[in-house]
Each structure stands twice: as structure tokens, then as C-alpha cells.
Amino acid sequence: MVAGLAASHTIMKLRLLPLWGALLLALAGPLFAFDEETVQNFKKYFKTYKEPAARVEAVLALENLPEVAIVDLVVPILKDADPDVVRAAIRVLTTMKDPAQIAALKAVLEKEKTEAIRVGILRALSESKADGAAAAAVQLLGDKSWEVRRRALQLLMNAKAADSAEKVAPLGLDTEPAVRAQALDTLASFKSDLVVPKAIANLNDAVWQVRASAFAALKAVRHKDAVEPLVLRMQQEEGRLVPDLAETLANLTGQEHGSDPLKWKTWWDQNRANYTLPTEEAIIYFRTRREAATGDKKPQWSHPRTAVTGYHGIETTSRSILFIIDVSGSMEAEVIEKERFSDGKYPSMQRIDIVKTELMRTIDRLDANVNFNILAFATKVDPWKKDLVPSNIVNKSAAKDWIRGLEAIGGNSKEDLASAGLVGSANMEMGKTNTYGALMAGLGIDAAKKDKGPATGAAVPDKNYKVGVDTMFFLSDGRPTVGDYIDPEDIKREVKAANELRKVVIHTIAIGEFQKEFMKRIAEDNGGVFVDLGR
């Protein structure tokens, strides 16, 4: 039937384009016969494939096929237990552009009760920006699943469906923090004034990720009513969000009081009665003048409850810090550019000794109100503690003792044992670089588990996104060599997806000779700073 309709359509075009039409008509039969054969073979063989790679390849064979029947084949796969297979199914759905296929997907959304299927379709429609998808998303804003509500909000944001703002606004007070944050992000992307009262209501939210979205929303949609609540919040906010709050206030008012609560309160008390919000043009003028006078793009942060921690030149006001360091075999190698490290008074020029020494020095300098933890990784991930601990003198001493005991696993010094056949003694297999596992562990995710809900594959809600850590320093010297994902592109994708709700800032530090664009991208994708310590 589909092939017949397509052929009739081609015949109509023949009257206008006789030469090209003749060619298309000649090809139409084989083309659609091939599509039909692919579909039939998929139905016959897909369930017989057991290897993950074969199952993914089979699903991708349906990509770009125009038949409506493809929807019925692909949609059930969204419930698959393998996240890579689910990702392949979403990719196939994303390529669907035919109006009949989009209509079929929308029809499934209206009647389907399975959460994984609804989430998967919303993700596909959001990525494809298909016509008419926004209307389907609006209908799901009241869904009982918070992940469905969140994905519907994402679709509306990606579709730039500003006319849905009134429907979106109530979700700014949703019972689920992830939905509240996404609703604020969506309204802010619309530049809708409806975000202002919702963001103000969330300034004191117990979940810091929601407050982060509230600050960002009030920075994007400037309104006089936000000034006083933000000034009051400055009297309470602590840690990593203090600079964000200060930037929001500066962007609203043109004032440069940094993170000093008393200065903001004094200024507001003096100006509250007759205050008029400066225009965006005036703000640009004020801030440009400040930068020209001081040479700083941002003011210096001086907050009575928030100290600055520095690690390899990266500064943070965070009070919840995780340090992740590489102890794979390659860390036993000496640095090549020894002159760059000559003033460090390190025990040796081995990478591991330089890293251990700098980490111990940083821990010594931690302010008393900072909580911290350390992860060391090679093939396996080894946490110092199960959770963050206060940086008191006892914990600092214990942490430094633990760091002193670290060594590069399976390094060059073990090669003689390995060459003699004593691979177990050399521990070479345990000295590989599990970058994926380390980063996911830092985000509070056990990469060894098959259920990778927060990653880009499985369409299930990420229930454990409210992590205590808000800032991570990740230091490594090598290309990933072991783990569920080894290819840098795969790791970047998975980490970014897992961190979408967590909003942890990931700073990356590279040492050694490997290609470092990967580390730079991890930082850029996750709000962090990249530092190259050299070879």
C-alpha cells in the first residue's frame, strides 16, 4: 500500500520533471521493496540476537525508514533493559519526520501507560523538534510520573513553545525538585515574566539544584520584585551558589557588592523606597566600566561564611568538594617537562608523587566549613570515605595518611614481574584507567550496576540526583582503557546526561602526554574549568 502511494506520487511529478521522474519511478520499486524486506527481517531475527552490539545494530537498521509501521516496531524497545539498545531506539524515533509517523507517536503518548515508553518518545520528539510535538507535551504536564513531566517541559523548552508558558508556570511549585528546576529553566528560556514569582518562591528551596535554577531564571528575566528577595537570600546562602547569587544581583542592579551580605543589605535599605531597575543597556555600561577599572570580569568574592578553595589554580567557593585522582599504572611515569615542577619540592618527578603532594597541600588549606572526600581510581574505584566529611584537623590528618599510602597500580616498575609471567603479582590488570567508572562514582552512580537509569539510554527516572557533592576535581593522566564505556565520546555523553539533574561542577586537571581535548570537553560540558599541568 505504501509503495503504491509513493509510486503514484512519483508519477504526478513526472509531468513536471520527465527525466528525473522516469529515474525515480525506475528506482521506487526496488527502494520500497528493500524497506519492506528490512522490516520483515527485523521482525524475524531481532529476538534471536543476544549480543548487545548485534541488537543495537539491528535497531539502527530501521533508521530513516518512512513507514508508519516502524513506530510499532520501535516503541516496545524503549522498555528494553539494555540502555544502549534503548538509546538506539530513541535515535531511530528521532529520525522520523513523516507527518504520519509523528501522528502515530503522538497517539502512543495519549494512550500508553508505561513510563519508559512515554519518556523515550518525549526524548525523541524533543531532540527531533518535530512539528506538533509541543501540543502533545502540554497534555503530559499533569502526568503522575515526575520524569514524564520533566521530559515534557524539556520538549517545550527545545521547541521554544513560549505560548505554553501559562501551562508550564504551575510546575514551578511541583512536588518534585527536578520538575521545579526544569519548569524554571523552561520559563526562563521563554523570557516569560511568569517565572519571576515562581523563582522567588524557590529562593529558599532546601534542594540547592532548585535554588541554582531560581538564580539563573532571575538573572535571565530581570524584574524589580526579585531584588529584595535576592538580597535577603544573600544573608543565608553559602558555598558554591554564592557567586551565582552575586552575579544575579549585579546583573539586576548594576551594583558591584560581590558576595558581601552586609553591603547588599545596606545598599538596599538606602535605595528601596524609590528604586528603579536599570535597563539592560545601563547594566552593560556599569559592568564594562567596572571591568575597565579593575581588569576583572568578575568581582572578588568576600563572604563571611564561604571561603575559597584553590586546587591547581582553580578556585571554588564550594563547601562540598570531591577530589578524584588517577592511580593507574601510567601515573608512575616521570613528568617530561621537569622545569615546570622544579619549584614544587616533590619527593620525586613521578606524576603520582606530584599529584599526592599537591592534594595533601590543598587538604591542609581547606576551610573548616568545607566538607570533602577523595576517590582514587585505576581499574577499580577506591573511595576514602563513603560520604563527605568535615575538614577538621582529625579528618585532614586521616586523609593525608590515606593519600601517602596510595601508589600507582601496575606501573612500569611491575613490568619485570609481568614479563616473567607473574601478571597477578604485577597487578597489571588492575592498573588500567577506568575514567567512566570514576566519574560516575563521583556523581553517586554505581557504574557496575546494569541499571543505568540516569544515563542517556534507559528511559527511567534518576531518583538519586539529590547528591551532597556540588563540585568535583577530576585529575587524570591517561586515555580511558577499561570500563563500561571507553570511547571518550561515549563517556562525555554519559557523564553529561547523568549530571543533567545533579548539576555538579566538574573541573578537570590533566597531566601527561595523552590527547587532552577529552578532559577539556568534560569540564566545558559540566560547568567546570580545565587545567593542563603539562607533560
Protein backbone atom coordinates (compact mmCIF):
# COMPACT_ATOMS: atom_id res chain seq x y z
CA MET A 1 0.00 0.00 0.00
CA VAL A 2 2.76 2.44 1.00
CA ALA A 3 4.82 1.55 -2.06
CA GLY A 4 1.75 2.10 -4.29
CA LEU A 5 1.05 5.55 -2.85
CA ALA A 6 4.67 6.55 -3.22
CA ALA A 7 4.70 5.39 -6.83
CA SER A 8 1.52 7.41 -7.60
CA HIS A 9 3.13 10.49 -6.06
CA THR A 10 6.18 9.94 -8.24
CA ILE A 11 4.02 9.61 -11.40
CA MET A 12 2.43 13.05 -10.69
CA LYS A 13 5.92 14.58 -10.57
CA LEU A 14 6.71 13.03 -13.95
CA ARG A 15 4.56 15.63 -15.72
CA LEU A 16 6.83 18.41 -14.45
CA LEU A 17 10.18 16.61 -14.42
CA PRO A 18 10.06 13.91 -17.10
CA LEU A 19 13.73 12.89 -16.98
CA TRP A 20 14.14 12.85 -13.19
CA GLY A 21 10.66 11.40 -12.82
CA ALA A 22 11.48 8.48 -15.04
CA LEU A 23 14.57 7.77 -12.98
CA LEU A 24 12.67 7.99 -9.69
CA LEU A 25 9.95 5.72 -10.97
CA ALA A 26 12.54 3.18 -12.02
CA LEU A 27 14.08 3.24 -8.54
CA ALA A 28 10.88 3.40 -6.49
CA GLY A 29 10.04 -0.28 -6.70
CA PRO A 30 13.44 -1.59 -5.50
CA LEU A 31 13.72 1.09 -2.80
CA PHE A 32 10.42 0.31 -1.12
CA ALA A 33 10.93 -3.41 -1.61
CA PHE A 34 14.19 -3.01 0.32
CA ASP A 35 12.41 -1.15 3.15
CA GLU A 36 9.80 -3.86 3.41
CA GLU A 37 12.47 -6.56 3.40
CA THR A 38 14.37 -4.79 6.21
CA VAL A 39 11.22 -4.60 8.30
CA GLN A 40 10.38 -8.26 7.77
CA ASN A 41 13.93 -9.36 8.58
CA PHE A 42 13.91 -7.27 11.75
CA LYS A 43 10.70 -8.95 12.91
CA LYS A 44 12.20 -12.36 12.16
CA TYR A 45 15.66 -12.01 13.67
CA PHE A 46 15.74 -9.28 16.35
CA LYS A 47 14.70 -11.52 19.22
CA THR A 48 17.33 -14.07 18.25
CA TYR A 49 20.22 -11.65 18.84
CA LYS A 50 21.85 -11.95 22.24
CA GLU A 51 24.96 -9.84 21.86
CA PRO A 52 24.35 -6.15 22.74
CA ALA A 53 26.23 -4.88 19.68
CA ALA A 54 24.13 -7.02 17.34
CA ARG A 55 20.89 -5.86 18.96
CA VAL A 56 21.92 -2.20 18.65
CA GLU A 57 22.89 -2.69 15.00
CA ALA A 58 19.57 -4.38 14.28
CA VAL A 59 17.59 -1.49 15.77
CA LEU A 60 19.62 1.08 13.83
CA ALA A 61 18.77 -0.77 10.61
CA LEU A 62 15.31 0.81 10.95
CA GLU A 63 16.71 4.34 10.91
CA ASN A 64 15.24 6.77 8.36
CA LEU A 65 12.64 4.32 7.08
CA PRO A 66 9.41 6.19 6.23
CA GLU A 67 6.80 3.54 7.03
CA VAL A 68 4.37 4.21 9.87
CA ALA A 69 4.73 0.55 10.85
CA ILE A 70 8.23 1.35 12.11
CA VAL A 71 6.63 3.10 15.10
CA ASP A 72 5.03 -0.13 16.29
CA LEU A 73 8.33 -1.96 15.92
CA VAL A 74 10.50 0.55 17.76
CA VAL A 75 8.27 1.78 20.60
CA PRO A 76 8.28 -1.51 22.60
CA ILE A 77 12.10 -1.47 22.53
CA LEU A 78 12.03 1.61 24.79
CA LYS A 79 11.34 -0.82 27.64
CA ASP A 80 14.50 -2.84 26.95
CA ALA A 81 16.84 -3.44 29.88
CA ASP A 82 19.95 -2.53 27.86
CA PRO A 83 20.47 1.26 27.81
CA ASP A 84 22.45 1.09 24.57
CA VAL A 85 19.53 -0.62 22.84
CA VAL A 86 17.13 1.97 24.24
CA ARG A 87 19.40 4.75 23.01
CA ALA A 88 19.38 3.19 19.53
CA ALA A 89 15.58 3.07 19.59
CA ILE A 90 15.37 6.74 20.58
CA ARG A 91 17.78 7.59 17.77
CA VAL A 92 15.53 5.79 15.26
CA LEU A 93 12.47 7.65 16.56
CA THR A 94 14.36 10.93 16.33
CA THR A 95 14.83 10.44 12.58
CA MET A 96 11.08 10.17 11.99
CA LYS A 97 9.94 13.24 10.09
CA ASP A 98 6.94 11.94 8.16
CA PRO A 99 3.72 13.55 9.50
CA ALA A 100 2.05 10.15 9.68
CA GLN A 101 4.87 8.80 11.85
CA ILE A 102 4.73 11.83 14.15
CA ALA A 103 0.96 11.43 14.43
CA ALA A 104 1.46 7.77 15.36
CA LEU A 105 3.96 8.71 18.09
CA LYS A 106 1.57 11.29 19.49
CA ALA A 107 -1.21 8.68 19.50
CA VAL A 108 1.02 6.35 21.53
CA LEU A 109 1.68 9.13 24.04
CA GLU A 110 -2.06 9.66 24.52
CA LYS A 111 -2.85 6.03 25.35
CA GLU A 112 0.42 4.49 26.62
CA LYS A 113 0.74 3.99 30.37
CA THR A 114 4.30 2.64 30.53
CA GLU A 115 6.63 5.31 31.88
CA ALA A 116 9.69 4.19 29.92
CA ILE A 117 7.81 4.42 26.64
CA ARG A 118 6.38 7.86 27.33
CA VAL A 119 9.77 9.17 28.42
CA GLY A 120 11.52 7.67 25.40
CA ILE A 121 9.05 9.19 22.93
CA LEU A 122 9.27 12.60 24.62
CA ARG A 123 13.04 12.48 24.39
CA ALA A 124 12.92 11.58 20.72
CA LEU A 125 10.40 14.30 19.88
CA SER A 126 12.39 16.80 21.89
CA GLU A 127 15.59 16.02 20.00
CA SER A 128 13.92 15.98 16.59
CA LYS A 129 11.90 19.18 17.22
CA ALA A 130 9.09 17.57 15.23
CA ASP A 131 6.14 19.74 14.21
CA GLY A 132 3.19 19.42 16.55
CA ALA A 133 5.17 17.75 19.33
CA ALA A 134 4.64 20.67 21.72
CA ALA A 135 0.90 20.10 21.85
CA ALA A 136 1.45 16.50 22.91
CA ALA A 137 3.88 17.60 25.61
CA VAL A 138 1.42 20.08 27.12
CA GLN A 139 -1.04 17.24 27.65
CA LEU A 140 1.54 15.42 29.79
CA LEU A 141 2.40 18.26 32.17
CA GLY A 142 -0.01 16.76 34.69
CA ASP A 143 1.26 13.19 34.33
CA LYS A 144 1.68 11.20 37.54
CA SER A 145 5.30 10.39 36.65
CA TRP A 146 7.64 13.24 37.55
CA GLU A 147 10.11 12.12 34.89
CA VAL A 148 7.39 12.36 32.24
CA ARG A 149 6.51 15.86 33.46
CA ARG A 150 10.19 16.87 33.35
CA ARG A 151 10.74 15.49 29.86
CA ALA A 152 7.58 17.22 28.65
CA LEU A 153 8.97 20.50 29.98
CA GLN A 154 12.26 19.85 28.20
CA LEU A 155 10.42 19.25 24.94
CA LEU A 156 8.56 22.54 25.29
CA MET A 157 11.81 24.36 26.01
CA ASN A 158 13.57 22.83 23.00
CA ALA A 159 10.56 23.59 20.81
CA LYS A 160 10.62 27.23 22.00
CA ALA A 161 6.90 26.85 22.71
CA ALA A 162 6.54 30.16 24.57
CA ASP A 163 2.76 30.05 24.11
CA SER A 164 2.71 27.21 26.66
CA ALA A 165 4.08 29.40 29.48
CA GLU A 166 0.80 29.57 31.39
CA LYS A 167 0.59 25.78 31.39
CA VAL A 168 4.22 25.48 32.47
CA ALA A 169 4.11 28.02 35.31
CA PRO A 170 2.27 25.85 37.91
CA LEU A 171 5.06 23.27 37.70
CA GLY A 172 7.40 25.83 39.22
CA LEU A 173 5.86 24.68 42.50
CA ASP A 174 5.79 20.96 41.66
CA THR A 175 6.28 18.43 44.45
CA GLU A 176 9.39 17.03 42.73
CA PRO A 177 12.54 19.21 42.90
CA ALA A 178 13.73 18.14 39.44
CA VAL A 179 10.45 19.29 37.92
CA ARG A 180 10.54 22.61 39.78
CA ALA A 181 14.03 23.27 38.46
CA GLN A 182 13.11 22.30 34.89
CA ALA A 183 9.97 24.46 34.96
CA LEU A 184 12.06 27.47 35.99
CA ASP A 185 14.60 26.71 33.26
CA THR A 186 11.83 26.38 30.68
CA LEU A 187 10.05 29.61 31.63
CA ALA A 188 13.38 31.45 31.70
CA SER A 189 14.15 30.21 28.18
CA PHE A 190 10.81 31.72 27.10
CA LYS A 191 11.81 35.04 28.76
CA SER A 192 8.41 34.85 30.43
CA ASP A 193 7.62 37.13 33.38
CA LEU A 194 5.66 34.22 34.81
CA VAL A 195 8.96 32.79 36.02
CA VAL A 196 9.57 35.67 38.44
CA PRO A 197 7.11 34.76 41.24
CA LYS A 198 7.93 31.05 40.87
CA ALA A 199 11.68 31.67 41.07
CA ILE A 200 11.25 33.96 44.08
CA ALA A 201 9.22 31.24 45.80
CA ASN A 202 12.11 28.81 45.24
CA LEU A 203 14.94 31.03 46.52
CA ASN A 204 14.88 29.25 49.88
CA ASP A 205 14.32 25.74 48.50
CA ALA A 206 16.05 23.03 50.53
CA VAL A 207 17.45 21.47 47.33
CA TRP A 208 20.38 23.50 46.06
CA GLN A 209 19.81 22.47 42.44
CA VAL A 210 16.42 24.21 42.55
CA ARG A 211 17.96 27.36 44.00
CA ALA A 212 20.53 27.31 41.21
CA SER A 213 17.74 27.32 38.63
CA ALA A 214 15.94 30.10 40.52
CA PHE A 215 19.05 32.32 40.49
CA ALA A 216 19.60 31.66 36.79
CA ALA A 217 15.96 32.41 35.99
CA LEU A 218 16.01 35.76 37.81
CA LYS A 219 19.21 36.66 36.03
CA ALA A 220 17.65 35.87 32.64
CA VAL A 221 14.30 37.57 33.32
CA ARG A 222 15.05 40.80 35.14
CA HIS A 223 12.36 42.22 37.45
CA LYS A 224 12.37 44.73 40.29
CA ASP A 225 10.37 42.39 42.53
CA ALA A 226 13.32 39.99 42.64
CA VAL A 227 15.84 42.41 44.14
CA GLU A 228 14.74 42.33 47.77
CA PRO A 229 14.26 38.54 47.99
CA LEU A 230 17.71 38.05 46.44
CA VAL A 231 19.31 40.50 48.90
CA LEU A 232 17.66 38.60 51.74
CA ARG A 233 18.87 35.29 50.32
CA MET A 234 22.42 36.64 50.26
CA GLN A 235 22.23 36.78 54.05
CA GLN A 236 21.69 32.99 54.11
CA GLU A 237 23.31 31.41 51.06
CA GLU A 238 26.57 29.52 51.50
CA GLY A 239 29.03 27.67 49.32
CA ARG A 240 29.17 27.24 45.59
CA LEU A 241 25.99 29.19 44.77
CA VAL A 242 27.15 32.42 46.42
CA PRO A 243 28.95 33.68 43.28
CA ASP A 244 25.87 32.80 41.17
CA LEU A 245 23.66 34.77 43.53
CA ALA A 246 26.05 37.73 43.49
CA GLU A 247 26.13 37.70 39.68
CA THR A 248 22.34 37.63 39.55
CA LEU A 249 22.12 40.67 41.82
CA ALA A 250 24.79 42.52 39.87
CA ASN A 251 23.03 41.73 36.60
CA LEU A 252 19.76 43.06 38.01
CA THR A 253 21.06 46.20 39.70
CA GLY A 254 24.42 47.17 38.21
CA GLN A 255 25.81 47.25 41.75
CA GLU A 256 29.12 45.54 42.48
CA HIS A 257 28.97 44.40 46.09
CA GLY A 258 30.22 40.90 45.26
CA SER A 259 29.20 38.37 47.87
CA ASP A 260 29.17 40.72 50.85
CA PRO A 261 25.75 40.35 52.53
CA LEU A 262 26.13 43.49 54.67
CA LYS A 263 26.96 45.72 51.71
CA TRP A 264 23.98 44.45 49.75
CA LYS A 265 21.64 44.95 52.72
CA THR A 266 22.96 48.46 53.41
CA TRP A 267 22.63 49.47 49.77
CA TRP A 268 19.08 48.12 49.54
CA ASP A 269 17.97 49.77 52.78
CA GLN A 270 19.14 53.09 51.37
CA ASN A 271 17.53 52.68 47.93
CA ARG A 272 14.46 50.52 48.44
CA ALA A 273 11.87 53.31 48.59
CA ASN A 274 12.44 54.85 45.16
CA TYR A 275 14.30 52.11 43.38
CA THR A 276 14.00 51.76 39.60
CA LEU A 277 15.51 48.79 37.82
CA PRO A 278 18.27 49.85 35.37
CA THR A 279 17.88 48.93 31.73
CA GLU A 280 19.94 46.10 30.23
CA GLU A 281 21.95 48.74 28.33
CA ALA A 282 22.76 50.51 31.58
CA ILE A 283 23.85 47.24 33.18
CA ILE A 284 26.24 46.56 30.30
CA TYR A 285 27.69 50.06 30.74
CA PHE A 286 28.13 49.68 34.51
CA ARG A 287 29.78 46.29 34.24
CA THR A 288 32.04 47.29 31.37
CA ARG A 289 33.19 50.32 33.35
CA ARG A 290 33.95 48.07 36.34
CA GLU A 291 35.94 45.67 34.21
CA ALA A 292 37.95 48.51 32.66
CA ALA A 293 38.73 49.94 36.09
CA THR A 294 39.70 46.68 37.78
CA GLY A 295 40.71 44.40 34.95
CA ASP A 296 38.41 41.73 36.40
CA LYS A 297 35.46 40.25 34.59
CA LYS A 298 34.03 39.22 37.95
CA PRO A 299 34.31 40.88 41.34
CA GLN A 300 36.34 39.27 44.10
CA TRP A 301 34.23 37.11 46.38
CA SER A 302 34.35 38.01 50.06
CA HIS A 303 31.72 36.17 52.05
CA PRO A 304 31.77 35.74 55.84
CA ARG A 305 30.60 32.12 55.67
CA THR A 306 32.17 30.99 52.39
CA ALA A 307 35.92 30.55 51.98
CA VAL A 308 37.65 29.97 48.65
CA THR A 309 39.37 26.65 47.96
CA GLY A 310 42.08 26.52 45.32
CA TYR A 311 43.35 23.37 43.60
CA HIS A 312 45.87 23.59 40.75
CA GLY A 313 44.85 27.19 40.14
CA ILE A 314 41.10 26.52 40.04
CA GLU A 315 39.14 28.37 42.71
CA THR A 316 35.76 27.47 44.14
CA THR A 317 33.54 28.69 46.96
CA SER A 318 32.05 25.22 47.31
CA ARG A 319 31.59 23.67 50.72
CA SER A 320 31.00 20.16 49.29
CA ILE A 321 34.08 19.05 47.35
CA LEU A 322 35.15 15.71 45.92
CA PHE A 323 38.71 15.08 44.72
CA ILE A 324 39.17 12.25 42.18
CA ILE A 325 42.73 11.23 41.34
CA ASP A 326 44.14 8.72 38.88
CA VAL A 327 46.40 5.99 40.34
CA SER A 328 46.64 3.85 37.20
CA GLY A 329 49.98 2.36 36.18
CA SER A 330 50.94 5.26 33.91
CA MET A 331 50.97 7.61 36.92
CA GLU A 332 54.26 6.01 37.92
CA ALA A 333 55.98 7.65 34.93
CA GLU A 334 58.03 10.78 35.47
CA VAL A 335 56.89 14.10 34.02
CA ILE A 336 58.80 15.18 30.91
CA GLU A 337 58.68 18.94 31.49
CA LYS A 338 60.54 18.77 34.78
CA GLU A 339 61.24 22.50 34.82
CA ARG A 340 57.53 23.17 35.29
CA PHE A 341 57.60 21.25 38.55
CA SER A 342 61.09 22.11 39.79
CA ASP A 343 59.89 24.53 42.49
CA GLY A 344 57.33 22.15 43.98
CA LYS A 345 59.65 20.32 46.40
CA TYR A 346 58.17 16.98 45.40
CA PRO A 347 59.56 13.63 46.65
CA SER A 348 60.21 12.69 43.01
CA MET A 349 59.26 13.73 39.50
CA GLN A 350 56.80 10.85 39.21
CA ARG A 351 53.30 12.03 38.34
CA ILE A 352 51.83 10.17 41.31
CA ASP A 353 54.16 11.93 43.77
CA ILE A 354 53.36 15.36 42.34
CA VAL A 355 49.62 14.71 42.49
CA LYS A 356 49.72 13.29 46.02
CA THR A 357 51.80 16.19 47.32
CA GLU A 358 49.52 18.86 45.82
CA LEU A 359 46.39 17.14 47.09
CA MET A 360 47.77 16.95 50.64
CA ARG A 361 48.69 20.64 50.49
CA THR A 362 45.17 21.51 49.31
CA ILE A 363 43.58 19.49 52.10
CA ASP A 364 45.79 21.29 54.62
CA ARG A 365 44.34 24.61 53.38
CA LEU A 366 40.68 23.58 53.44
CA ASP A 367 38.49 25.91 55.46
CA ALA A 368 36.77 24.43 58.50
CA ASN A 369 33.31 24.81 56.91
CA VAL A 370 34.21 22.68 53.86
CA ASN A 371 33.14 19.04 53.62
CA PHE A 372 35.24 16.80 51.38
CA ASN A 373 36.02 13.30 50.19
CA ILE A 374 38.58 11.60 47.93
CA LEU A 375 38.31 8.88 45.29
CA ALA A 376 41.36 7.12 43.85
CA PHE A 377 40.85 5.09 40.70
CA ALA A 378 42.57 2.77 38.28
CA THR A 379 40.61 -0.26 37.05
CA LYS A 380 38.51 -0.04 40.22
CA VAL A 381 37.33 2.99 42.14
CA ASP A 382 38.54 3.28 45.74
CA PRO A 383 36.79 5.88 47.92
CA TRP A 384 38.45 7.18 51.06
CA LYS A 385 35.10 7.59 52.84
CA LYS A 386 31.55 6.63 51.92
CA ASP A 387 30.44 10.25 52.06
CA LEU A 388 31.70 13.79 52.59
CA VAL A 389 33.31 14.54 55.94
CA PRO A 390 34.07 17.85 57.70
CA SER A 391 37.56 19.26 57.14
CA ASN A 392 38.52 19.32 60.79
CA ILE A 393 42.09 18.62 61.92
CA VAL A 394 41.42 14.92 62.60
CA ASN A 395 39.87 14.22 59.22
CA LYS A 396 42.62 16.18 57.45
CA SER A 397 45.28 14.07 59.15
CA ALA A 398 43.48 10.84 58.27
CA ALA A 399 43.04 11.94 54.66
CA LYS A 400 46.72 12.80 54.27
CA ASP A 401 47.77 9.43 55.72
CA TRP A 402 45.49 7.68 53.23
CA ILE A 403 46.92 9.71 50.35
CA ARG A 404 50.50 8.88 51.41
CA GLY A 405 49.64 5.21 51.13
CA LEU A 406 48.47 5.47 47.52
CA GLU A 407 50.70 4.17 44.75
CA ALA A 408 50.44 3.72 41.01
CA ILE A 409 48.92 0.29 40.41
CA GLY A 410 50.66 -1.98 37.92
CA GLY A 411 53.14 0.66 36.76
CA ASN A 412 56.44 0.37 34.88
CA SER A 413 58.21 -0.99 37.94
CA LYS A 414 55.94 -4.04 37.76
CA GLU A 415 56.72 -4.85 34.12
CA ASP A 416 59.58 -7.21 35.06
CA LEU A 417 57.13 -9.32 37.06
CA ALA A 418 54.68 -9.33 34.19
CA SER A 419 57.33 -10.30 31.65
CA ALA A 420 58.29 -13.20 33.92
CA GLY A 421 54.72 -14.42 33.75
CA LEU A 422 53.72 -13.11 37.17
CA VAL A 423 50.92 -10.91 35.86
CA GLY A 424 48.90 -11.37 39.03
CA SER A 425 51.75 -10.18 41.20
CA ALA A 426 52.37 -7.26 38.85
CA ASN A 427 48.68 -6.34 39.17
CA MET A 428 48.73 -5.05 35.58
CA GLU A 429 45.03 -5.71 35.01
CA MET A 430 44.12 -3.56 38.00
CA GLY A 431 46.27 -0.68 36.79
CA LYS A 432 44.15 0.43 33.84
CA THR A 433 42.24 3.71 33.56
CA ASN A 434 38.50 3.45 34.32
CA THR A 435 37.56 7.05 33.63
CA TYR A 436 33.88 6.31 33.20
CA GLY A 437 33.59 4.40 36.45
CA ALA A 438 35.42 7.11 38.39
CA LEU A 439 33.33 9.99 37.07
CA MET A 440 30.06 8.14 37.60
CA ALA A 441 31.10 7.15 41.13
CA GLY A 442 31.79 10.82 41.78
CA LEU A 443 28.21 11.55 40.74
CA GLY A 444 26.92 8.91 43.13
CA ILE A 445 26.24 6.26 40.48
CA ASP A 446 27.49 2.68 40.66
CA ALA A 447 28.69 2.07 37.11
CA ALA A 448 28.96 -1.66 37.82
CA LYS A 449 25.18 -1.95 38.04
CA LYS A 450 23.31 -2.81 34.88
CA ASP A 451 20.53 -0.32 35.59
CA LYS A 452 21.99 2.94 34.33
CA GLY A 453 18.83 4.97 34.76
CA PRO A 454 20.35 8.44 34.68
CA ALA A 455 22.41 7.82 31.54
CA THR A 456 21.24 8.51 28.03
CA GLY A 457 19.96 5.01 27.39
CA ALA A 458 17.46 3.80 29.94
CA ALA A 459 14.27 5.83 30.00
CA VAL A 460 13.67 5.54 33.74
CA PRO A 461 13.73 8.33 36.31
CA ASP A 462 17.00 9.19 38.02
CA LYS A 463 15.80 9.06 41.61
CA ASN A 464 19.17 9.65 43.28
CA TYR A 465 20.04 13.02 41.77
CA LYS A 466 19.98 14.99 45.04
CA VAL A 467 23.67 14.45 45.79
CA GLY A 468 25.60 16.24 48.51
CA VAL A 469 28.64 16.94 46.34
CA ASP A 470 28.34 20.08 44.24
CA THR A 471 31.94 20.44 43.00
CA MET A 472 34.33 17.82 41.70
CA PHE A 473 38.03 17.99 40.81
CA PHE A 474 38.97 15.18 38.41
CA LEU A 475 42.69 14.57 37.74
CA SER A 476 43.98 12.01 35.26
CA ASP A 477 46.99 11.33 33.07
CA GLY A 478 45.67 8.82 30.58
CA ARG A 479 43.19 7.83 27.94
CA PRO A 480 40.38 5.57 29.22
CA THR A 481 41.31 1.91 28.81
CA VAL A 482 38.73 -0.03 30.81
CA GLY A 483 35.12 0.32 31.98
CA ASP A 484 31.59 0.09 30.63
CA TYR A 485 32.46 2.93 28.26
CA ILE A 486 35.97 3.52 26.93
CA ASP A 487 35.44 5.74 23.91
CA PRO A 488 35.80 9.40 25.04
CA GLU A 489 32.68 10.46 23.13
CA ASP A 490 30.61 7.83 24.91
CA ILE A 491 31.97 8.87 28.30
CA LYS A 492 31.29 12.56 27.66
CA ARG A 493 27.73 11.77 26.61
CA GLU A 494 27.02 9.58 29.62
CA VAL A 495 28.54 11.94 32.18
CA LYS A 496 26.69 14.94 30.77
CA ALA A 497 23.40 13.03 30.86
CA ALA A 498 23.97 11.75 34.40
CA ASN A 499 24.87 15.25 35.56
CA GLU A 500 21.86 16.93 33.99
CA LEU A 501 19.88 16.82 37.23
CA ARG A 502 22.80 16.76 39.65
CA LYS A 503 24.35 20.00 38.32
CA VAL A 504 27.72 19.14 39.84
CA VAL A 505 30.52 21.38 38.55
CA ILE A 506 33.31 19.15 37.22
CA HIS A 507 36.76 20.70 37.00
CA THR A 508 39.36 18.62 35.15
CA ILE A 509 43.15 18.57 35.53
CA ALA A 510 45.38 16.76 33.04
CA ILE A 511 48.96 15.66 33.48
CA GLY A 512 50.95 13.64 30.98
CA GLU A 513 51.21 13.25 27.23
CA PHE A 514 47.80 11.97 26.12
CA GLN A 515 45.36 13.89 23.94
CA LYS A 516 43.65 16.30 26.33
CA GLU A 517 40.68 17.61 24.35
CA PHE A 518 38.56 14.95 26.06
CA MET A 519 39.32 16.32 29.53
CA LYS A 520 38.67 19.85 28.34
CA ARG A 521 35.26 18.88 26.98
CA ILE A 522 34.27 17.13 30.21
CA ALA A 523 34.88 20.41 32.06
CA GLU A 524 33.11 22.55 29.45
CA ASP A 525 30.06 20.28 29.38
CA ASN A 526 29.72 20.36 33.15
CA GLY A 527 30.36 23.99 34.08
CA GLY A 528 33.97 23.45 35.09
CA VAL A 529 37.47 24.69 34.32
CA PHE A 530 40.18 22.69 32.56
CA VAL A 531 43.84 22.95 33.61
CA ASP A 532 46.74 21.33 31.75
CA LEU A 533 49.64 20.70 34.14
CA GLY A 534 51.90 19.74 31.25
CA ARG A 535 53.71 16.59 30.19
